[in-house]
Each structure stands twice: as C-alpha cells, then as structure tokens.
C-alpha cells in the first residue's frame, strides 16, 4: 500500500535518524520532512515502532498515512525544478 509519512521533530539528531529509517524502508524523500512509498501493513507498523523508539521522550509528531491505489492514482502534483541559470544571475 502507498503511504505518506510526515514529521515535525525539533531535535536535529533524532530527525536525521528517523529520516534514515524512512530511507532504509525504501521510502522516497518528497520534501525535507515528508516521504512517500510503498509499505506492507506489517512494515508500516514495524517502522512506526522503530520511530517511536528513536523519538524516545523528545518532542515530535510523526504521521504515517496509508493511501489507497485509487486515491494515489488521482493525486495531483505541481513541481518545478530550479534552473541552474536562475541561481547564477
């Protein structure tokens, strides 16, 4: 099942460890604090348990949102890539 994982974590080290966990599970970084990809339900639960352990008592908010195939297919994306010439001027 497709998932969207988003987080708001203040502590830099914890945030980095959680981002690494997301990458380890094959999720793709969409923005600085969001990932998307495909995870079976058991892997969703496993990842969230590991995230809870890494977060410990530090403040943070992590949300894993399953998205059905139909909704995933209907998603809308607007994305512009920065042009290197824009940065040179």
N, C-alpha and C. Protein backbone atom coordinates (compact mmCIF):
# COMPACT_ATOMS: atom_id res chain seq x y z
N UNK A 1 0.85 -1.18 0.00
CA UNK A 1 0.00 0.00 0.00
C UNK A 1 0.89 1.24 0.00
N UNK A 2 0.46 2.25 -0.74
CA UNK A 2 1.18 3.52 -0.77
C UNK A 2 0.98 4.24 0.56
N UNK A 3 2.03 4.94 0.99
CA UNK A 3 1.95 5.69 2.24
C UNK A 3 2.60 7.05 2.06
N UNK A 4 2.16 7.97 2.89
CA UNK A 4 2.78 9.27 3.04
C UNK A 4 3.19 9.37 4.50
N UNK A 5 4.46 9.64 4.76
CA UNK A 5 4.95 9.81 6.12
C UNK A 5 5.45 11.24 6.26
N UNK A 6 4.92 11.94 7.25
CA UNK A 6 5.34 13.32 7.51
C UNK A 6 5.73 13.45 8.97
N UNK A 7 6.64 14.36 9.25
CA UNK A 7 7.05 14.54 10.64
C UNK A 7 7.43 15.98 10.92
N UNK A 8 7.35 16.31 12.21
CA UNK A 8 7.81 17.59 12.74
C UNK A 8 8.59 17.25 14.00
N UNK A 9 9.91 17.29 13.90
CA UNK A 9 10.79 16.89 15.00
C UNK A 9 11.83 17.98 15.20
N UNK A 10 11.93 18.50 16.41
CA UNK A 10 12.84 19.61 16.70
C UNK A 10 14.30 19.18 16.75
N UNK A 11 14.60 18.07 17.40
CA UNK A 11 15.98 17.65 17.65
C UNK A 11 16.62 17.15 16.35
N UNK A 12 17.71 17.82 15.93
CA UNK A 12 18.36 17.51 14.65
C UNK A 12 18.79 16.05 14.53
N UNK A 13 19.45 15.54 15.56
CA UNK A 13 19.95 14.17 15.52
C UNK A 13 18.84 13.15 15.39
N UNK A 14 17.78 13.35 16.15
CA UNK A 14 16.62 12.45 16.09
C UNK A 14 15.96 12.54 14.72
N UNK A 15 15.82 13.73 14.21
CA UNK A 15 15.21 13.93 12.89
C UNK A 15 16.02 13.20 11.81
N UNK A 16 17.33 13.29 11.89
CA UNK A 16 18.19 12.60 10.92
C UNK A 16 18.04 11.09 11.02
N UNK A 17 18.00 10.56 12.25
CA UNK A 17 17.84 9.11 12.44
C UNK A 17 16.51 8.62 11.89
N UNK A 18 15.47 9.39 12.07
CA UNK A 18 14.15 8.98 11.58
C UNK A 18 14.11 9.08 10.05
N UNK A 19 14.73 10.08 9.49
CA UNK A 19 14.82 10.18 8.03
C UNK A 19 15.57 8.97 7.47
N UNK A 20 16.66 8.58 8.13
CA UNK A 20 17.43 7.42 7.70
C UNK A 20 16.59 6.14 7.77
N UNK A 21 15.77 6.01 8.81
CA UNK A 21 14.87 4.85 8.91
C UNK A 21 13.92 4.81 7.72
N UNK A 22 13.36 5.95 7.38
CA UNK A 22 12.44 6.02 6.24
C UNK A 22 13.14 5.57 4.96
N UNK A 23 14.35 6.04 4.76
CA UNK A 23 15.12 5.64 3.57
C UNK A 23 15.43 4.15 3.61
N UNK A 24 15.76 3.62 4.80
CA UNK A 24 16.04 2.19 4.95
C UNK A 24 14.84 1.33 4.55
N UNK A 25 13.64 1.85 4.75
CA UNK A 25 12.42 1.12 4.40
C UNK A 25 12.00 1.37 2.95
N UNK A 26 12.85 2.05 2.20
CA UNK A 26 12.59 2.25 0.78
C UNK A 26 11.68 3.41 0.44
N UNK A 27 11.41 4.27 1.41
CA UNK A 27 10.58 5.44 1.14
C UNK A 27 11.42 6.51 0.43
N UNK A 28 10.79 7.29 -0.40
CA UNK A 28 11.45 8.36 -1.13
C UNK A 28 11.16 9.69 -0.47
N UNK A 29 12.20 10.50 -0.31
CA UNK A 29 12.00 11.82 0.28
C UNK A 29 11.32 12.71 -0.76
N UNK A 30 10.21 13.33 -0.33
CA UNK A 30 9.45 14.22 -1.20
C UNK A 30 9.81 15.66 -0.87
N UNK A 31 9.87 15.97 0.41
CA UNK A 31 10.28 17.26 0.91
C UNK A 31 11.13 17.00 2.14
N UNK A 32 11.60 18.06 2.77
CA UNK A 32 12.51 17.89 3.90
C UNK A 32 11.93 17.00 4.99
N UNK A 33 10.66 17.11 5.26
CA UNK A 33 10.07 16.33 6.35
C UNK A 33 8.92 15.44 5.88
N UNK A 34 9.00 14.99 4.63
CA UNK A 34 7.96 14.07 4.15
C UNK A 34 8.55 13.04 3.20
N UNK A 35 7.99 11.84 3.31
CA UNK A 35 8.42 10.70 2.50
C UNK A 35 7.18 10.02 1.93
N UNK A 36 7.36 9.35 0.79
CA UNK A 36 6.28 8.56 0.23
C UNK A 36 6.86 7.27 -0.32
N UNK A 37 5.99 6.27 -0.44
CA UNK A 37 6.44 5.00 -0.99
C UNK A 37 5.43 3.91 -0.74
N UNK A 38 5.87 2.68 -0.91
CA UNK A 38 5.01 1.51 -0.74
C UNK A 38 5.51 0.70 0.45
N UNK A 39 4.60 0.41 1.38
CA UNK A 39 4.92 -0.42 2.54
C UNK A 39 3.75 -1.34 2.83
N UNK A 40 4.05 -2.61 3.07
CA UNK A 40 3.01 -3.52 3.57
C UNK A 40 2.62 -3.09 4.97
N UNK A 41 1.43 -3.50 5.39
CA UNK A 41 0.93 -3.11 6.71
C UNK A 41 1.90 -3.50 7.82
N UNK A 42 2.47 -4.69 7.74
CA UNK A 42 3.41 -5.12 8.79
C UNK A 42 4.64 -4.22 8.83
N UNK A 43 5.10 -3.78 7.66
CA UNK A 43 6.26 -2.88 7.63
C UNK A 43 5.89 -1.48 8.12
N UNK A 44 4.65 -1.06 7.89
CA UNK A 44 4.20 0.22 8.42
C UNK A 44 4.28 0.20 9.95
N UNK A 45 3.74 -0.86 10.53
CA UNK A 45 3.74 -0.98 12.00
C UNK A 45 5.15 -1.09 12.54
N UNK A 46 5.98 -1.87 11.86
CA UNK A 46 7.37 -2.05 12.28
C UNK A 46 8.13 -0.72 12.25
N UNK A 47 7.97 0.02 11.16
CA UNK A 47 8.63 1.32 11.02
C UNK A 47 8.18 2.28 12.12
N UNK A 48 6.89 2.33 12.38
CA UNK A 48 6.40 3.25 13.41
C UNK A 48 6.89 2.86 14.80
N UNK A 49 7.04 1.57 15.08
CA UNK A 49 7.62 1.15 16.36
C UNK A 49 9.07 1.61 16.48
N UNK A 50 9.83 1.47 15.41
CA UNK A 50 11.22 1.92 15.42
C UNK A 50 11.31 3.44 15.56
N UNK A 51 10.41 4.15 14.91
CA UNK A 51 10.38 5.61 15.02
C UNK A 51 10.05 6.02 16.45
N UNK A 52 9.07 5.36 17.04
CA UNK A 52 8.70 5.66 18.44
C UNK A 52 9.91 5.46 19.36
N UNK A 53 10.67 4.40 19.12
CA UNK A 53 11.86 4.12 19.94
C UNK A 53 12.92 5.21 19.73
N UNK A 54 13.16 5.59 18.48
CA UNK A 54 14.16 6.63 18.20
C UNK A 54 13.74 7.98 18.77
N UNK A 55 12.46 8.28 18.71
CA UNK A 55 11.96 9.55 19.23
C UNK A 55 12.10 9.62 20.74
N UNK A 56 11.89 8.48 21.41
CA UNK A 56 12.03 8.43 22.86
C UNK A 56 11.13 9.45 23.53
N UNK A 57 11.69 10.23 24.44
CA UNK A 57 10.91 11.23 25.18
C UNK A 57 11.00 12.62 24.55
N UNK A 58 11.74 12.73 23.44
CA UNK A 58 11.85 14.04 22.78
C UNK A 58 10.52 14.40 22.12
N UNK A 59 10.26 15.70 22.03
CA UNK A 59 9.01 16.13 21.39
C UNK A 59 9.08 15.88 19.89
N UNK A 60 7.95 15.53 19.34
CA UNK A 60 7.88 15.28 17.91
C UNK A 60 6.51 14.77 17.51
N UNK A 61 6.23 14.86 16.24
CA UNK A 61 4.95 14.41 15.68
C UNK A 61 5.27 13.70 14.38
N UNK A 62 4.96 12.40 14.32
CA UNK A 62 5.20 11.60 13.12
C UNK A 62 3.88 10.97 12.72
N UNK A 63 3.52 11.12 11.45
CA UNK A 63 2.24 10.58 10.95
C UNK A 63 2.50 9.75 9.70
N UNK A 64 2.00 8.53 9.72
CA UNK A 64 2.07 7.65 8.56
C UNK A 64 0.65 7.48 8.05
N UNK A 65 0.42 7.90 6.83
CA UNK A 65 -0.93 7.93 6.26
C UNK A 65 -1.00 6.96 5.08
N UNK A 66 -1.74 5.86 5.23
CA UNK A 66 -1.93 4.94 4.10
C UNK A 66 -2.84 5.58 3.06
N UNK A 67 -2.54 5.33 1.79
CA UNK A 67 -3.32 5.91 0.70
C UNK A 67 -3.69 4.77 -0.27
N UNK A 68 -4.98 4.60 -0.51
CA UNK A 68 -5.43 3.52 -1.39
C UNK A 68 -4.97 3.80 -2.83
N UNK A 69 -4.95 2.73 -3.63
CA UNK A 69 -4.45 2.83 -5.01
C UNK A 69 -5.23 3.86 -5.83
N UNK A 70 -6.54 3.90 -5.65
CA UNK A 70 -7.35 4.84 -6.42
C UNK A 70 -7.01 6.29 -6.06
N UNK A 71 -6.90 6.58 -4.77
CA UNK A 71 -6.54 7.94 -4.36
C UNK A 71 -5.13 8.29 -4.80
N UNK A 72 -4.21 7.32 -4.74
CA UNK A 72 -2.83 7.55 -5.17
C UNK A 72 -2.82 7.91 -6.67
N UNK A 73 -3.60 7.17 -7.45
CA UNK A 73 -3.66 7.42 -8.89
C UNK A 73 -4.26 8.79 -9.20
N UNK A 74 -5.11 9.28 -8.32
CA UNK A 74 -5.78 10.57 -8.54
C UNK A 74 -5.05 11.75 -7.92
N UNK A 75 -3.89 11.52 -7.32
CA UNK A 75 -3.17 12.62 -6.68
C UNK A 75 -2.74 13.64 -7.73
N UNK A 76 -2.61 14.87 -7.32
CA UNK A 76 -2.17 15.96 -8.19
C UNK A 76 -0.84 16.48 -7.68
N UNK A 77 0.07 16.75 -8.59
CA UNK A 77 1.41 17.21 -8.20
C UNK A 77 1.77 18.43 -9.04
N UNK A 78 2.28 19.46 -8.38
CA UNK A 78 2.88 20.61 -9.06
C UNK A 78 4.33 20.64 -8.59
N UNK A 79 5.25 20.56 -9.54
CA UNK A 79 6.67 20.52 -9.17
C UNK A 79 7.48 21.27 -10.21
N UNK A 80 8.26 22.22 -9.75
CA UNK A 80 9.19 22.95 -10.61
C UNK A 80 10.59 22.70 -10.10
N UNK A 81 11.49 22.42 -11.00
CA UNK A 81 12.89 22.25 -10.65
C UNK A 81 13.60 23.59 -10.86
N UNK A 82 14.49 23.95 -9.95
CA UNK A 82 15.25 25.18 -10.10
C UNK A 82 16.19 25.04 -11.29
N UNK A 83 16.25 26.08 -12.10
CA UNK A 83 17.15 26.10 -13.24
C UNK A 83 18.49 26.65 -12.77
N UNK A 84 19.57 25.98 -13.13
CA UNK A 84 20.89 26.43 -12.69
C UNK A 84 21.19 27.86 -13.12
N UNK A 85 20.68 28.26 -14.27
CA UNK A 85 20.95 29.63 -14.73
C UNK A 85 20.24 30.66 -13.85
N UNK A 86 19.12 30.27 -13.20
CA UNK A 86 18.43 31.19 -12.30
C UNK A 86 19.30 31.54 -11.10
N UNK A 87 20.09 30.59 -10.62
CA UNK A 87 20.93 30.81 -9.45
C UNK A 87 22.19 31.60 -9.77
N UNK A 88 22.58 31.63 -11.02
CA UNK A 88 23.82 32.29 -11.40
C UNK A 88 23.64 33.79 -11.60
N UNK A 89 22.43 34.26 -11.73
CA UNK A 89 22.22 35.68 -12.02
C UNK A 89 22.09 36.49 -10.77
